[in-house]
Amino acid sequence: MSTRGASRRACELKGANFALSVVPIYRFDLEEIFETLRPKVEAAPELLAGAAVVLDFNAPQLDMPSLDEVRRLLERIRATRLIPVALCGPSERVAAIAAALNLPVVGKGRSLKANDAAAMIAEPEPEPEPVKLAEPLPPPAVTTRGGTMVVSSPVRAGQQIYARNKDLVILATVNAGAEVIADGSIHVYGRLSGRAIAGARNEPDARIFAKQFDAEIVSIAGTFRVIEDVEPEFKGASVQVWLDHELLKIERL
């Protein structure tokens, strides 16, 4: 028997923070729940397909479903390609159902908020260079001054910019299929057609500003909206996006 590595334990138990999206259940209607979630996943499969979610049963008007009903609910949510990993609710009944389904209970006694479970993205890796495709694209021109990263050339499809612990200012276009991420706020002085993720390390005061708004997805501190959920009056307009408690709001500038 080899003794190589014998001084190291087989495993450890460590604390860690992982991003989870929350699905608040306001009314037990399986088909309506399915038809609400499915288009969101289809609109952003790279971000949401396979994403772990917590089912929140804290809504005061909700009649807590039975064990069999929750089983059917899990099946319908899995059919959207979201993955339920835990339940949330104040009652012992939620705990009993979770135990029967071999699921944990989190956030017991209160609704989960964006600050408790930052949705949409895992914690970003250390600041990467712009992604290079098989046919290399010229990387965006990037400069950094103090707490701001400035990008002066277009961010093309397949490229990603991440401003770690900084605000991100883009003086050009963010094309469809591109992704811009900042731990602070994001300012786009051209057309924003890709994905913009601000407050990436769970900073709810971050904002997104765009001269021409046509984003596929915008997210702040884990709360997100896809383009299908955006009112027509904001598309192509100069807007700001901010987080008001758990609601992502958009207004013209």
C-alpha atoms as a PDB file:
ATOM      1  CA  MET A   1       0.000   0.000   0.000  1.00  0.00           C
ATOM      2  CA  SER A   2       1.428   3.347  -1.027  1.00  0.00           C
ATOM      3  CA  THR A   3       2.105   5.863   1.744  1.00  0.00           C
ATOM      4  CA  ARG A   4       2.390   8.780  -0.664  1.00  0.00           C
ATOM      5  CA  GLY A   5       0.361  11.675   0.708  1.00  0.00           C
ATOM      6  CA  ALA A   6      -0.353   9.749   3.924  1.00  0.00           C
ATOM      7  CA  SER A   7       0.182  12.891   6.012  1.00  0.00           C
ATOM      8  CA  ARG A   8      -2.813  14.563   4.369  1.00  0.00           C
ATOM      9  CA  ARG A   9      -6.350  13.820   5.587  1.00  0.00           C
ATOM     10  CA  ALA A  10      -8.828  12.228   3.208  1.00  0.00           C
ATOM     11  CA  CYS A  11     -11.100  15.273   3.499  1.00  0.00           C
ATOM     12  CA  GLU A  12     -11.806  18.442   5.441  1.00  0.00           C
ATOM     13  CA  LEU A  13     -14.838  20.525   6.339  1.00  0.00           C
ATOM     14  CA  LYS A  14     -14.525  24.180   5.397  1.00  0.00           C
ATOM     15  CA  GLY A  15     -16.879  27.144   5.317  1.00  0.00           C
ATOM     16  CA  ALA A  16     -17.579  28.587   1.875  1.00  0.00           C
ATOM     17  CA  ASN A  17     -19.964  30.973   0.151  1.00  0.00           C
ATOM     18  CA  PHE A  18     -21.699  29.793  -3.008  1.00  0.00           C
ATOM     19  CA  ALA A  19     -24.163  31.693  -5.161  1.00  0.00           C
ATOM     20  CA  LEU A  20     -27.753  30.430  -5.099  1.00  0.00           C
ATOM     21  CA  SER A  21     -30.798  31.755  -6.871  1.00  0.00           C
ATOM     22  CA  VAL A  22     -34.097  31.861  -5.002  1.00  0.00           C
ATOM     23  CA  VAL A  23     -37.511  30.899  -6.407  1.00  0.00           C
ATOM     24  CA  PRO A  24     -40.232  32.403  -4.163  1.00  0.00           C
ATOM     25  CA  ILE A  25     -43.473  30.418  -4.514  1.00  0.00           C
ATOM     26  CA  TYR A  26     -46.463  32.772  -4.245  1.00  0.00           C
ATOM     27  CA  ARG A  27     -49.156  30.398  -5.529  1.00  0.00           C
ATOM     28  CA  PHE A  28     -49.024  26.638  -6.068  1.00  0.00           C
ATOM     29  CA  ASP A  29     -49.748  26.433  -9.789  1.00  0.00           C
ATOM     30  CA  LEU A  30     -47.351  23.963 -11.389  1.00  0.00           C
ATOM     31  CA  GLU A  31     -47.912  25.009 -14.993  1.00  0.00           C
ATOM     32  CA  GLU A  32     -47.718  28.723 -14.274  1.00  0.00           C
ATOM     33  CA  ILE A  33     -44.497  28.187 -12.316  1.00  0.00           C
ATOM     34  CA  PHE A  34     -43.055  26.137 -15.182  1.00  0.00           C
ATOM     35  CA  GLU A  35     -44.070  28.687 -17.825  1.00  0.00           C
ATOM     36  CA  THR A  36     -42.608  31.524 -15.745  1.00  0.00           C
ATOM     37  CA  LEU A  37     -39.213  29.884 -15.243  1.00  0.00           C
ATOM     38  CA  ARG A  38     -38.721  28.058 -18.544  1.00  0.00           C
ATOM     39  CA  PRO A  39     -38.425  31.174 -20.781  1.00  0.00           C
ATOM     40  CA  LYS A  40     -35.907  32.721 -18.396  1.00  0.00           C
ATOM     41  CA  VAL A  41     -33.648  29.667 -18.635  1.00  0.00           C
ATOM     42  CA  GLU A  42     -34.065  29.485 -22.419  1.00  0.00           C
ATOM     43  CA  ALA A  43     -33.147  33.170 -22.708  1.00  0.00           C
ATOM     44  CA  ALA A  44     -29.912  32.702 -20.753  1.00  0.00           C
ATOM     45  CA  PRO A  45     -28.909  29.012 -20.883  1.00  0.00           C
ATOM     46  CA  GLU A  46     -25.199  29.683 -20.292  1.00  0.00           C
ATOM     47  CA  LEU A  47     -26.076  31.438 -17.053  1.00  0.00           C
ATOM     48  CA  LEU A  48     -29.132  29.561 -15.778  1.00  0.00           C
ATOM     49  CA  ALA A  49     -29.170  26.016 -17.180  1.00  0.00           C
ATOM     50  CA  GLY A  50     -28.059  23.804 -14.303  1.00  0.00           C
ATOM     51  CA  ALA A  51     -28.187  26.662 -11.801  1.00  0.00           C
ATOM     52  CA  ALA A  52     -28.864  25.683  -8.180  1.00  0.00           C
ATOM     53  CA  VAL A  53     -32.008  27.235  -6.694  1.00  0.00           C
ATOM     54  CA  VAL A  54     -33.707  27.420  -3.292  1.00  0.00           C
ATOM     55  CA  LEU A  55     -37.511  27.107  -3.177  1.00  0.00           C
ATOM     56  CA  ASP A  56     -38.884  29.751  -0.807  1.00  0.00           C
ATOM     57  CA  PHE A  57     -42.292  28.971   0.799  1.00  0.00           C
ATOM     58  CA  ASN A  58     -42.402  32.050   3.029  1.00  0.00           C
ATOM     59  CA  ALA A  59     -45.118  33.942   1.133  1.00  0.00           C
ATOM     60  CA  PRO A  60     -47.873  34.704   3.699  1.00  0.00           C
ATOM     61  CA  GLN A  61     -50.706  34.041   1.259  1.00  0.00           C
ATOM     62  CA  LEU A  62     -49.353  30.600   0.272  1.00  0.00           C
ATOM     63  CA  ASP A  63     -51.098  27.449   1.490  1.00  0.00           C
ATOM     64  CA  MET A  64     -48.172  25.127   2.106  1.00  0.00           C
ATOM     65  CA  PRO A  65     -48.362  22.245  -0.404  1.00  0.00           C
ATOM     66  CA  SER A  66     -48.232  18.599   0.606  1.00  0.00           C
ATOM     67  CA  LEU A  67     -45.224  16.327   0.258  1.00  0.00           C
ATOM     68  CA  ASP A  68     -46.527  14.853  -3.012  1.00  0.00           C
ATOM     69  CA  GLU A  69     -47.234  18.339  -4.367  1.00  0.00           C
ATOM     70  CA  VAL A  70     -43.696  19.477  -3.535  1.00  0.00           C
ATOM     71  CA  ARG A  71     -42.346  16.359  -5.283  1.00  0.00           C
ATOM     72  CA  ARG A  72     -44.280  17.335  -8.422  1.00  0.00           C
ATOM     73  CA  LEU A  73     -43.044  20.903  -8.064  1.00  0.00           C
ATOM     74  CA  LEU A  74     -39.434  19.704  -7.973  1.00  0.00           C
ATOM     75  CA  GLU A  75     -40.032  17.687 -11.139  1.00  0.00           C
ATOM     76  CA  ARG A  76     -41.473  20.690 -12.999  1.00  0.00           C
ATOM     77  CA  ILE A  77     -38.630  22.959 -11.922  1.00  0.00           C
ATOM     78  CA  ARG A  78     -36.033  20.374 -12.960  1.00  0.00           C
ATOM     79  CA  ALA A  79     -37.789  20.241 -16.344  1.00  0.00           C
ATOM     80  CA  THR A  80     -36.818  23.897 -16.827  1.00  0.00           C
ATOM     81  CA  ARG A  81     -33.145  22.851 -16.249  1.00  0.00           C
ATOM     82  CA  LEU A  82     -32.938  24.595 -12.881  1.00  0.00           C
ATOM     83  CA  ILE A  83     -31.756  22.366 -10.016  1.00  0.00           C
ATOM     84  CA  PRO A  84     -33.601  22.658  -6.650  1.00  0.00           C
ATOM     85  CA  VAL A  85     -31.085  22.080  -3.853  1.00  0.00           C
ATOM     86  CA  ALA A  86     -32.868  23.324  -0.722  1.00  0.00           C
ATOM     87  CA  LEU A  87     -36.156  24.574   0.746  1.00  0.00           C
ATOM     88  CA  CYS A  88     -36.836  27.695   2.755  1.00  0.00           C
ATOM     89  CA  GLY A  89     -39.759  28.275   5.083  1.00  0.00           C
ATOM     90  CA  PRO A  90     -40.673  29.108   8.654  1.00  0.00           C
ATOM     91  CA  SER A  91     -42.810  26.133   9.551  1.00  0.00           C
ATOM     92  CA  GLU A  92     -42.018  22.683  10.906  1.00  0.00           C
ATOM     93  CA  ARG A  93     -43.990  21.337   7.973  1.00  0.00           C
ATOM     94  CA  VAL A  94     -41.346  22.679   5.570  1.00  0.00           C
ATOM     95  CA  ALA A  95     -38.661  20.988   7.658  1.00  0.00           C
ATOM     96  CA  ALA A  96     -40.575  17.695   7.614  1.00  0.00           C
ATOM     97  CA  ILE A  97     -41.076  17.833   3.838  1.00  0.00           C
ATOM     98  CA  ALA A  98     -37.415  18.716   3.293  1.00  0.00           C
ATOM     99  CA  ALA A  99     -36.342  15.772   5.458  1.00  0.00           C
ATOM    100  CA  ALA A 100     -38.595  13.417   3.490  1.00  0.00           C
ATOM    101  CA  LEU A 101     -37.061  14.666   0.244  1.00  0.00           C
ATOM    102  CA  ASN A 102     -33.502  14.536   1.639  1.00  0.00           C
ATOM    103  CA  LEU A 103     -33.085  18.283   1.112  1.00  0.00           C
ATOM    104  CA  PRO A 104     -31.729  20.881   3.545  1.00  0.00           C
ATOM    105  CA  VAL A 105     -33.673  23.840   4.931  1.00  0.00           C
ATOM    106  CA  VAL A 106     -31.953  27.229   4.641  1.00  0.00           C
ATOM    107  CA  GLY A 107     -32.933  30.719   5.756  1.00  0.00           C
ATOM    108  CA  LYS A 108     -35.369  29.235   8.235  1.00  0.00           C
ATOM    109  CA  GLY A 109     -38.040  31.634   9.420  1.00  0.00           C
ATOM    110  CA  ARG A 110     -37.526  34.367   6.839  1.00  0.00           C
ATOM    111  CA  SER A 111     -37.535  34.957   3.112  1.00  0.00           C
ATOM    112  CA  LEU A 112     -34.157  34.834   1.466  1.00  0.00           C
ATOM    113  CA  LYS A 113     -32.970  38.172   0.082  1.00  0.00           C
ATOM    114  CA  ALA A 114     -30.504  39.012  -2.630  1.00  0.00           C
ATOM    115  CA  ASN A 115     -27.862  39.623   0.042  1.00  0.00           C
ATOM    116  CA  ASP A 116     -28.405  36.108   1.445  1.00  0.00           C
ATOM    117  CA  ALA A 117     -28.103  34.297  -1.869  1.00  0.00           C
ATOM    118  CA  ALA A 118     -26.492  36.230  -4.695  1.00  0.00           C
ATOM    119  CA  ALA A 119     -28.159  34.790  -7.818  1.00  0.00           C
ATOM    120  CA  MET A 120     -26.944  34.247 -11.360  1.00  0.00           C
ATOM    121  CA  ILE A 121     -23.188  33.933 -11.090  1.00  0.00           C
ATOM    122  CA  ALA A 122     -20.594  32.122  -9.063  1.00  0.00           C
ATOM    123  CA  GLU A 123     -17.932  34.225  -7.372  1.00  0.00           C
ATOM    124  CA  PRO A 124     -15.674  35.393 -10.206  1.00  0.00           C
ATOM    125  CA  GLU A 125     -12.171  34.038 -10.556  1.00  0.00           C
ATOM    126  CA  PRO A 126      -9.176  36.375 -10.224  1.00  0.00           C
ATOM    127  CA  GLU A 127      -9.173  38.997 -12.972  1.00  0.00           C
ATOM    128  CA  PRO A 128      -8.769  37.283 -16.356  1.00  0.00           C
ATOM    129  CA  GLU A 129      -7.356  38.514 -19.596  1.00  0.00           C
ATOM    130  CA  PRO A 130     -10.006  38.996 -22.321  1.00  0.00           C
ATOM    131  CA  VAL A 131     -11.077  35.623 -23.730  1.00  0.00           C
ATOM    132  CA  LYS A 132      -9.282  34.609 -26.914  1.00  0.00           C
ATOM    133  CA  LEU A 133     -11.269  32.573 -29.409  1.00  0.00           C
ATOM    134  CA  ALA A 134      -9.949  29.998 -31.837  1.00  0.00           C
ATOM    135  CA  GLU A 135      -9.598  32.849 -34.350  1.00  0.00           C
ATOM    136  CA  PRO A 136      -8.017  35.419 -32.025  1.00  0.00           C
ATOM    137  CA  LEU A 137      -9.752  38.763 -31.754  1.00  0.00           C
ATOM    138  CA  PRO A 138      -7.808  41.861 -30.828  1.00  0.00           C
ATOM    139  CA  PRO A 139      -8.275  42.275 -27.064  1.00  0.00           C
ATOM    140  CA  PRO A 140     -10.130  45.376 -25.861  1.00  0.00           C
ATOM    141  CA  ALA A 141      -7.893  48.296 -24.948  1.00  0.00           C
ATOM    142  CA  VAL A 142      -7.927  48.356 -21.138  1.00  0.00           C
ATOM    143  CA  THR A 143      -6.444  50.863 -18.710  1.00  0.00           C
ATOM    144  CA  THR A 144      -6.823  50.972 -14.932  1.00  0.00           C
ATOM    145  CA  ARG A 145      -6.730  54.053 -12.756  1.00  0.00           C
ATOM    146  CA  GLY A 146      -7.372  53.737  -9.032  1.00  0.00           C
ATOM    147  CA  GLY A 147     -10.779  52.203  -8.491  1.00  0.00           C
ATOM    148  CA  THR A 148     -11.837  52.255 -12.153  1.00  0.00           C
ATOM    149  CA  MET A 149     -11.104  50.073 -15.169  1.00  0.00           C
ATOM    150  CA  VAL A 150     -11.576  51.837 -18.519  1.00  0.00           C
ATOM    151  CA  VAL A 151     -12.153  49.935 -21.780  1.00  0.00           C
ATOM    152  CA  SER A 152     -11.815  52.116 -24.885  1.00  0.00           C
ATOM    153  CA  SER A 153     -12.531  49.584 -27.648  1.00  0.00           C
ATOM    154  CA  PRO A 154     -15.534  47.309 -28.395  1.00  0.00           C
ATOM    155  CA  VAL A 155     -16.072  44.160 -26.344  1.00  0.00           C
ATOM    156  CA  ARG A 156     -16.877  41.506 -28.926  1.00  0.00           C
ATOM    157  CA  ALA A 157     -18.935  38.301 -28.774  1.00  0.00           C
ATOM    158  CA  GLY A 158     -17.144  35.649 -26.742  1.00  0.00           C
ATOM    159  CA  GLN A 159     -15.000  38.142 -24.849  1.00  0.00           C
ATOM    160  CA  GLN A 160     -15.278  38.850 -21.136  1.00  0.00           C
ATOM    161  CA  ILE A 161     -14.080  41.801 -19.078  1.00  0.00           C
ATOM    162  CA  TYR A 162     -13.978  41.616 -15.280  1.00  0.00           C
ATOM    163  CA  ALA A 163     -13.199  44.655 -13.119  1.00  0.00           C
ATOM    164  CA  ARG A 164     -12.196  43.088  -9.823  1.00  0.00           C
ATOM    165  CA  ASN A 165     -12.858  45.388  -6.849  1.00  0.00           C
ATOM    166  CA  LYS A 166     -13.434  48.240  -9.305  1.00  0.00           C
ATOM    167  CA  ASP A 167     -16.014  50.123 -11.319  1.00  0.00           C
ATOM    168  CA  LEU A 168     -15.991  49.397 -15.052  1.00  0.00           C
ATOM    169  CA  VAL A 169     -16.241  52.154 -17.683  1.00  0.00           C
ATOM    170  CA  ILE A 170     -16.656  51.135 -21.330  1.00  0.00           C
ATOM    171  CA  LEU A 171     -16.294  53.863 -23.950  1.00  0.00           C
ATOM    172  CA  ALA A 172     -17.466  51.639 -26.808  1.00  0.00           C
ATOM    173  CA  THR A 173     -20.007  48.927 -27.617  1.00  0.00           C
ATOM    174  CA  VAL A 174     -20.618  45.699 -25.710  1.00  0.00           C
ATOM    175  CA  ASN A 175     -21.702  43.338 -28.482  1.00  0.00           C
ATOM    176  CA  ALA A 176     -24.223  40.519 -28.179  1.00  0.00           C
ATOM    177  CA  GLY A 177     -22.530  37.451 -26.713  1.00  0.00           C
ATOM    178  CA  ALA A 178     -19.991  39.525 -24.767  1.00  0.00           C
ATOM    179  CA  GLU A 179     -19.925  39.713 -20.981  1.00  0.00           C
ATOM    180  CA  VAL A 180     -18.836  42.581 -18.732  1.00  0.00           C
ATOM    181  CA  ILE A 181     -18.538  42.052 -14.970  1.00  0.00           C
ATOM    182  CA  ALA A 182     -17.614  44.444 -12.183  1.00  0.00           C
ATOM    183  CA  ASP A 183     -17.550  44.248  -8.419  1.00  0.00           C
ATOM    184  CA  GLY A 184     -18.686  47.891  -8.525  1.00  0.00           C
ATOM    185  CA  SER A 185     -20.841  49.752 -11.046  1.00  0.00           C
ATOM    186  CA  ILE A 186     -20.765  49.472 -14.847  1.00  0.00           C
ATOM    187  CA  HIS A 187     -20.914  52.475 -17.208  1.00  0.00           C
ATOM    188  CA  VAL A 188     -21.346  51.801 -20.938  1.00  0.00           C
ATOM    189  CA  TYR A 189     -21.116  54.876 -23.193  1.00  0.00           C
ATOM    190  CA  GLY A 190     -22.020  52.916 -26.329  1.00  0.00           C
ATOM    191  CA  ARG A 191     -24.636  50.231 -27.014  1.00  0.00           C
ATOM    192  CA  LEU A 192     -24.958  47.547 -24.342  1.00  0.00           C
ATOM    193  CA  SER A 193     -26.062  44.401 -26.196  1.00  0.00           C
ATOM    194  CA  GLY A 194     -24.331  41.678 -24.189  1.00  0.00           C
ATOM    195  CA  ARG A 195     -24.474  40.665 -20.545  1.00  0.00           C
ATOM    196  CA  ALA A 196     -23.720  43.148 -17.754  1.00  0.00           C
ATOM    197  CA  ILE A 197     -23.172  41.907 -14.188  1.00  0.00           C
ATOM    198  CA  ALA A 198     -22.543  44.596 -11.566  1.00  0.00           C
ATOM    199  CA  GLY A 199     -22.018  44.196  -7.822  1.00  0.00           C
ATOM    200  CA  ALA A 200     -20.601  40.755  -8.615  1.00  0.00           C
ATOM    201  CA  ARG A 201     -19.370  40.212  -5.053  1.00  0.00           C
ATOM    202  CA  ASN A 202     -22.800  40.914  -3.618  1.00  0.00           C
ATOM    203  CA  GLU A 203     -22.701  44.733  -3.623  1.00  0.00           C
ATOM    204  CA  PRO A 204     -26.384  45.830  -3.773  1.00  0.00           C
ATOM    205  CA  ASP A 205     -25.515  49.532  -4.182  1.00  0.00           C
ATOM    206  CA  ALA A 206     -23.845  48.961  -7.555  1.00  0.00           C
ATOM    207  CA  ARG A 207     -25.575  50.306 -10.664  1.00  0.00           C
ATOM    208  CA  ILE A 208     -25.509  49.811 -14.426  1.00  0.00           C
ATOM    209  CA  PHE A 209     -25.590  52.794 -16.798  1.00  0.00           C
ATOM    210  CA  ALA A 210     -25.975  52.423 -20.561  1.00  0.00           C
ATOM    211  CA  LYS A 211     -26.241  55.035 -23.328  1.00  0.00           C
ATOM    212  CA  GLN A 212     -28.140  52.568 -25.550  1.00  0.00           C
ATOM    213  CA  PHE A 213     -29.708  49.732 -23.595  1.00  0.00           C
ATOM    214  CA  ASP A 214     -30.253  46.409 -25.365  1.00  0.00           C
ATOM    215  CA  ALA A 215     -28.708  44.006 -22.862  1.00  0.00           C
ATOM    216  CA  GLU A 216     -29.329  40.271 -23.046  1.00  0.00           C
ATOM    217  CA  ILE A 217     -29.066  40.096 -19.243  1.00  0.00           C
ATOM    218  CA  VAL A 218     -28.430  42.636 -16.507  1.00  0.00           C
ATOM    219  CA  SER A 219     -27.666  41.586 -12.937  1.00  0.00           C
ATOM    220  CA  ILE A 220     -26.876  43.432  -9.714  1.00  0.00           C
ATOM    221  CA  ALA A 221     -25.802  41.499  -6.610  1.00  0.00           C
ATOM    222  CA  GLY A 222     -27.442  38.356  -7.963  1.00  0.00           C
ATOM    223  CA  THR A 223     -30.816  39.825  -8.955  1.00  0.00           C
ATOM    224  CA  PHE A 224     -31.267  39.743 -12.719  1.00  0.00           C
ATOM    225  CA  ARG A 225     -33.554  40.575 -15.619  1.00  0.00           C
ATOM    226  CA  VAL A 226     -33.448  39.213 -19.160  1.00  0.00           C
ATOM    227  CA  ILE A 227     -34.286  41.294 -22.212  1.00  0.00           C
ATOM    228  CA  GLU A 228     -37.701  39.636 -22.546  1.00  0.00           C
ATOM    229  CA  ASP A 229     -38.669  41.092 -19.149  1.00  0.00           C
ATOM    230  CA  VAL A 230     -37.668  44.657 -20.053  1.00  0.00           C
ATOM    231  CA  GLU A 231     -40.350  47.183 -20.996  1.00  0.00           C
ATOM    232  CA  PRO A 232     -40.143  48.271 -24.679  1.00  0.00           C
ATOM    233  CA  GLU A 233     -39.738  51.928 -23.694  1.00  0.00           C
ATOM    234  CA  PHE A 234     -36.274  51.201 -22.270  1.00  0.00           C
ATOM    235  CA  LYS A 235     -34.876  49.282 -25.254  1.00  0.00           C
ATOM    236  CA  GLY A 236     -32.385  51.423 -27.123  1.00  0.00           C
ATOM    237  CA  ALA A 237     -32.764  54.209 -24.561  1.00  0.00           C
ATOM    238  CA  SER A 238     -30.248  55.772 -22.201  1.00  0.00           C
ATOM    239  CA  VAL A 239     -30.975  54.142 -18.823  1.00  0.00           C
ATOM    240  CA  GLN A 240     -29.731  53.288 -15.390  1.00  0.00           C
ATOM    241  CA  VAL A 241     -30.392  50.005 -13.585  1.00  0.00           C
ATOM    242  CA  TRP A 242     -30.363  49.670  -9.810  1.00  0.00           C
ATOM    243  CA  LEU A 243     -31.499  47.320  -7.053  1.00  0.00           C
ATOM    244  CA  ASP A 244     -34.384  48.448  -4.852  1.00  0.00           C
ATOM    245  CA  HIS A 245     -34.525  45.848  -2.063  1.00  0.00           C
ATOM    246  CA  GLU A 246     -35.144  42.664  -4.103  1.00  0.00           C
ATOM    247  CA  LEU A 247     -36.436  44.332  -7.283  1.00  0.00           C
ATOM    248  CA  LEU A 248     -34.224  45.303 -10.212  1.00  0.00           C
ATOM    249  CA  LYS A 249     -35.461  48.652 -11.565  1.00  0.00           C
ATOM    250  CA  ILE A 250     -34.765  50.494 -14.814  1.00  0.00           C
ATOM    251  CA  GLU A 251     -35.333  54.157 -15.606  1.00  0.00           C
ATOM    252  CA  ARG A 252     -34.403  56.582 -18.356  1.00  0.00           C
ATOM    253  CA  LEU A 253     -31.542  58.998 -17.830  1.00  0.00           C
END
